[in-house]
Amino acid sequence: MLRNWFMRSFGAGTFSEFWQYWNPVYGYFLAYYIYAPLREICPRPMAVWLTFLTCGFVMHDLLGWVLARRVRAPEMTVLFSFLGALVLLSEWLHLDLSAHTLPLRVLMNTTLLLAAWTATRLVVGFAGGTG
């Protein structure tokens, strides 16, 4: 089951599909309680990006701060801002590898994740985060 989850996520033809498969529980919550209300008041790209920001802040940074009882640099918020931007950029570029081989799709999704992570490390490092 775990193998199928990884293969479905990393083998997705688009980066947007990757996120649909990656965490369906978070995805359901975010789609109905964050994205849908945002979509009523702002254009789709902004709603998508703000949904990623909300996920990074509320479901990762804020939760981590509460559990650790300490506030740190909002690394996950920064990471999810890049991930959301990459979803939108890949859609704008019509980057769809559905017709290509599984290894190529895995490579694409992994590369996008690593690009966002690398950018986050640079930003948090420059901002004096403790990472």
Foldseek 3Di string as FASTA:
>chain_A
DVVVLVLQLLQAQALVSNVCSNDVVLVVCLVPPQLVVVVVPDPNLVSLLVSLLCCLVVVPQVVVCVVVVHHFPSLSSQLSNQSSVRRVVCVVVVRTRNVPDSVVSNVVNVVSSVVSNVVSCVVCVVVVTPD
